[in-house]
Protein backbone atom coordinates (compact mmCIF):
# COMPACT_ATOMS: atom_id res chain seq x y z
CA LEU A 1 -1.42 2.17 -26.08
CA ALA A 2 -1.00 0.14 -22.77
CA CYS A 3 -3.25 -1.09 -19.63
CA LYS A 4 -2.65 -3.84 -17.63
CA TYR A 5 -6.47 -4.43 -17.30
CA VAL A 6 -6.57 -5.60 -20.77
CA ASN A 7 -5.45 -8.16 -22.90
CA GLU A 8 -5.95 -6.65 -25.99
CA VAL A 9 -6.58 -3.46 -27.76
CA VAL A 10 -8.59 -3.17 -31.06
CA ILE A 11 -8.12 0.07 -32.88
CA GLY A 12 -11.16 0.86 -34.73
CA ALA A 13 -13.48 -1.49 -32.64
CA PRO A 14 -17.19 -0.91 -32.64
CA TYR A 15 -18.68 1.20 -29.73
CA SER A 16 -21.61 -1.02 -29.75
CA VAL A 17 -22.17 -4.74 -30.08
CA THR A 18 -24.73 -5.80 -32.95
CA GLN A 19 -26.17 -9.35 -33.07
CA GLU A 20 -24.05 -9.57 -36.28
CA LEU A 21 -20.76 -8.94 -34.44
CA LEU A 22 -22.39 -11.58 -31.53
CA SER A 23 -22.50 -13.91 -34.62
CA HIS A 24 -19.28 -13.40 -36.15
CA PHE A 25 -17.36 -14.25 -32.63
CA ASP A 26 -20.11 -16.95 -31.81
CA VAL A 27 -20.56 -15.62 -28.35
CA ASP A 28 -23.53 -17.12 -26.42
CA VAL A 29 -24.92 -16.77 -23.26
CA LYS A 30 -24.82 -20.87 -22.43
CA LYS A 31 -20.88 -20.87 -23.57
CA ILE A 32 -20.06 -18.44 -21.31
CA VAL A 33 -21.86 -19.78 -18.68
CA GLU A 34 -20.09 -23.13 -19.16
CA ARG A 35 -16.63 -21.66 -19.05
CA ILE A 36 -17.33 -19.97 -15.70
CA ILE A 37 -18.64 -23.34 -14.21
CA GLN A 38 -15.37 -24.63 -15.61
CA HIS A 39 -13.43 -21.86 -14.36
CA ARG A 40 -15.42 -22.49 -11.21
CA LEU A 41 -14.40 -26.65 -11.05
CA GLU A 42 -11.08 -26.37 -11.80
CA TYR A 43 -10.55 -23.37 -9.02
CA GLU A 44 -12.36 -25.67 -6.49
CA ALA A 45 -9.96 -28.50 -7.57
CA ARG A 46 -7.03 -26.45 -7.59
CA ASN A 47 -7.83 -25.08 -3.81
CA THR A 48 -8.74 -28.79 -2.68
CA LYS A 49 -5.69 -30.16 -3.71
CA LYS A 50 -3.50 -26.94 -2.38
CA ASN A 51 -5.62 -28.01 0.77
CA MET A 52 -4.52 -31.57 1.35
CA ILE A 53 -0.61 -30.59 0.60
CA ASP A 54 -1.02 -27.85 3.48
CA ASN A 55 -2.96 -30.51 6.25
CA HIS A 56 -0.10 -33.30 5.26
CA PHE A 57 2.42 -30.66 5.97
CA SER A 58 1.07 -29.49 9.41
């Protein structure tokens, strides 16, 4: 089983997401949104740094 679009394949995983599964893995909308915002801030900081370096050498 190989697919370049996934990190991991879980054999026997359930076909639907239940509340029990969400609770077990501590999945929360707030945490997901916070992670997205944090990744966006890291992306912006990385690009700002890159642009500063590019502007310095141009």
